[in-house]
Amino acid sequence: MAGIRDALSRLGVAASSSRLGGVFYHVVCRRIDRVLIPLSRGRLALGPPGQTVLLTTTGARSGRPRNAAVAFLWRGDEMIVVASKGGAPRHTGWYHNLRANQRVRARYRGGDEERFAREARGAERDELFETMAQAFSNFRAYQRRASGRRIPVMVLSRLPAGEARD
């Protein structure tokens, strides 16, 4: 089973590296994941198996909950996510939402918790982007297509114990 999952993951990364595949993945697959992840408690996603998180942010302008499914990697107990938007020339909405309100709900295989987001800067950003690009080669293609935009990397940390969501 793990072999099939790995093969499908490699196929998905390769397909999403193309311009059309990136758009399809961002527009279609991520929307399906918004429904699939909560229904399966994070066990199923069209994104990388076991490495897709559903982020619920607070809309920067609307103040309403917004969902986005994105690939992630662990660094200790921190989650690393990349605001690539498939290499589009503008930043993704969830990135703007996290800049306005750093609290985020993260639903993934094995967890559903509140986290605090911060943007990685400088050498940390470069190191984390490279780590993500090694795991998901499509991020390199996205950075090339991003039309001069430096793709942000966000670090999602656990909230201190007992801190409730506003």
Protein backbone atom coordinates (compact mmCIF):
# COMPACT_ATOMS: atom_id res chain seq x y z
CA MET A 1 0.00 0.00 0.00
CA ALA A 2 2.82 2.42 0.86
CA GLY A 3 4.37 1.79 -2.57
CA ILE A 4 1.15 2.76 -4.31
CA ARG A 5 0.81 5.89 -2.14
CA ASP A 6 4.41 6.91 -2.92
CA ALA A 7 3.92 6.36 -6.66
CA LEU A 8 0.71 8.41 -6.67
CA SER A 9 2.44 11.16 -4.70
CA ARG A 10 5.35 11.29 -7.19
CA LEU A 11 2.88 11.36 -10.09
CA GLY A 12 0.91 14.20 -8.46
CA VAL A 13 4.05 16.25 -7.80
CA ALA A 14 5.25 15.76 -11.38
CA ALA A 15 1.85 16.68 -12.84
CA SER A 16 1.46 19.76 -10.66
CA SER A 17 4.91 21.03 -11.70
CA SER A 18 3.56 21.98 -15.13
CA ARG A 19 1.68 25.26 -15.51
CA LEU A 20 -1.62 23.55 -16.37
CA GLY A 21 -1.13 20.89 -13.69
CA GLY A 22 -0.36 23.57 -11.10
CA VAL A 23 -3.56 25.44 -11.94
CA PHE A 24 -5.60 22.20 -11.91
CA TYR A 25 -4.11 21.16 -8.58
CA HIS A 26 -4.64 24.58 -7.00
CA VAL A 27 -8.17 25.09 -8.32
CA VAL A 28 -9.66 21.58 -8.38
CA CYS A 29 -7.75 19.27 -6.02
CA ARG A 30 -7.44 21.77 -3.20
CA ARG A 31 -11.19 22.46 -3.31
CA ILE A 32 -11.94 18.75 -3.09
CA ASP A 33 -9.51 18.46 -0.16
CA ARG A 34 -11.50 21.13 1.72
CA VAL A 35 -14.34 18.61 1.90
CA LEU A 36 -12.38 15.34 1.90
CA ILE A 37 -10.04 16.13 4.82
CA PRO A 38 -12.77 16.93 7.40
CA LEU A 39 -14.90 13.97 6.27
CA SER A 40 -12.02 11.49 6.56
CA ARG A 41 -10.46 13.11 9.66
CA GLY A 42 -7.35 13.84 7.63
CA ARG A 43 -6.83 10.29 6.39
CA LEU A 44 -7.68 11.11 2.77
CA ALA A 45 -6.55 13.99 0.57
CA LEU A 46 -5.72 14.57 -3.07
CA GLY A 47 -2.55 16.30 -1.91
CA PRO A 48 0.49 14.38 -0.70
CA PRO A 49 -0.70 11.44 1.45
CA GLY A 50 -0.29 12.23 5.14
CA GLN A 51 1.31 15.55 4.26
CA THR A 52 -1.72 17.68 3.51
CA VAL A 53 -3.20 20.00 6.12
CA LEU A 54 -6.49 21.88 6.02
CA LEU A 55 -5.88 25.38 7.35
CA THR A 56 -8.80 27.40 8.63
CA THR A 57 -7.80 31.05 8.73
CA THR A 58 -9.78 34.18 9.54
CA GLY A 59 -10.44 36.31 6.46
CA ALA A 60 -8.29 39.45 6.54
CA ARG A 61 -11.14 41.62 5.26
CA SER A 62 -14.26 39.58 5.93
CA GLY A 63 -13.37 38.19 9.37
CA ARG A 64 -15.04 34.93 8.28
CA PRO A 65 -13.46 31.45 8.39
CA ARG A 66 -11.57 30.47 5.21
CA ASN A 67 -10.27 26.99 4.40
CA ALA A 68 -7.21 26.07 2.36
CA ALA A 69 -5.61 22.66 1.87
CA VAL A 70 -1.82 22.78 1.53
CA ALA A 71 1.17 20.44 1.65
CA PHE A 72 3.24 20.53 4.82
CA LEU A 73 6.29 19.03 6.48
CA TRP A 74 7.17 18.66 10.14
CA ARG A 75 10.12 20.39 11.78
CA GLY A 76 9.96 19.04 15.28
CA ASP A 77 6.42 19.90 16.39
CA GLU A 78 6.17 22.85 13.96
CA MET A 79 4.41 22.57 10.61
CA ILE A 80 6.06 24.15 7.58
CA VAL A 81 3.81 25.37 4.74
CA VAL A 82 4.61 27.26 1.54
CA ALA A 83 2.31 29.95 0.11
CA SER A 84 3.05 29.06 -3.50
CA LYS A 85 -0.37 29.36 -5.19
CA GLY A 86 1.04 27.18 -7.97
CA GLY A 87 3.52 29.89 -8.94
CA ALA A 88 0.87 32.53 -9.59
CA PRO A 89 2.13 36.15 -9.72
CA ARG A 90 0.22 37.10 -6.54
CA HIS A 91 0.22 35.64 -3.04
CA THR A 92 -2.49 33.21 -2.02
CA GLY A 93 -5.39 34.42 0.13
CA TRP A 94 -4.54 32.25 3.13
CA TYR A 95 -1.13 33.91 3.34
CA HIS A 96 -2.75 37.37 3.57
CA ASN A 97 -5.17 36.00 6.17
CA LEU A 98 -2.32 34.65 8.33
CA ARG A 99 -0.50 37.97 8.15
CA ALA A 100 -3.62 39.70 9.45
CA ASN A 101 -4.46 37.08 12.10
CA GLN A 102 -1.75 34.60 13.07
CA ARG A 103 -4.08 32.07 14.71
CA VAL A 104 -4.99 29.13 12.51
CA ARG A 105 -6.77 25.82 12.90
CA ALA A 106 -4.83 22.90 11.40
CA ARG A 107 -6.60 19.63 10.53
CA TYR A 108 -4.41 16.78 9.35
CA ARG A 109 -3.95 13.04 9.70
CA GLY A 110 -3.68 12.54 13.42
CA GLY A 111 -4.63 16.01 14.60
CA ASP A 112 -7.00 18.93 14.76
CA GLU A 113 -5.54 21.85 16.68
CA GLU A 114 -5.06 25.56 16.93
CA ARG A 115 -1.66 26.91 15.93
CA PHE A 116 0.16 30.21 15.67
CA ALA A 117 1.68 31.26 12.32
CA ARG A 118 4.78 33.30 11.64
CA GLU A 119 6.59 33.98 8.41
CA ALA A 120 10.10 32.58 8.05
CA ARG A 121 12.59 35.23 6.94
CA GLY A 122 16.12 35.35 5.56
CA ALA A 123 18.26 32.25 5.88
CA GLU A 124 15.53 30.37 7.75
CA ARG A 125 13.09 30.96 4.88
CA ASP A 126 15.65 29.83 2.30
CA GLU A 127 16.50 26.69 4.28
CA LEU A 128 12.85 25.77 4.82
CA PHE A 129 11.94 26.44 1.18
CA GLU A 130 14.78 24.18 0.08
CA THR A 131 13.60 21.45 2.48
CA MET A 132 10.09 21.69 1.05
CA ALA A 133 11.43 21.72 -2.54
CA GLN A 134 13.43 18.56 -1.84
CA ALA A 135 10.26 16.84 -0.63
CA PHE A 136 7.98 18.36 -3.30
CA SER A 137 9.91 19.26 -6.47
CA ASN A 138 6.94 21.23 -7.82
CA PHE A 139 7.85 24.10 -5.46
CA ARG A 140 10.97 24.84 -7.56
CA ALA A 141 8.78 25.07 -10.67
CA TYR A 142 6.37 27.33 -8.80
CA GLN A 143 9.18 29.67 -7.72
CA ARG A 144 10.41 29.94 -11.34
CA ARG A 145 6.88 30.83 -12.50
CA ALA A 146 6.15 33.27 -9.69
CA SER A 147 7.10 36.31 -11.83
CA GLY A 148 9.62 37.82 -9.44
CA ARG A 149 7.51 37.10 -6.36
CA ARG A 150 9.43 35.48 -3.52
CA ILE A 151 7.19 32.69 -2.31
CA PRO A 152 6.61 32.95 1.46
CA VAL A 153 7.21 30.11 3.90
CA MET A 154 5.12 29.96 7.06
CA VAL A 155 5.91 28.19 10.32
CA LEU A 156 2.91 26.96 12.33
CA SER A 157 3.68 26.46 16.02
CA ARG A 158 1.50 24.99 18.74
CA LEU A 159 -0.36 27.49 20.90
CA PRO A 160 0.65 27.59 24.56
CA ALA A 161 -1.41 25.18 26.68
CA GLY A 162 -4.71 26.61 27.80
CA GLU A 163 -4.79 29.45 25.27
CA ALA A 164 -8.24 29.52 23.68
CA ARG A 165 -9.16 30.80 20.22
CA ASP A 166 -10.69 34.28 20.19
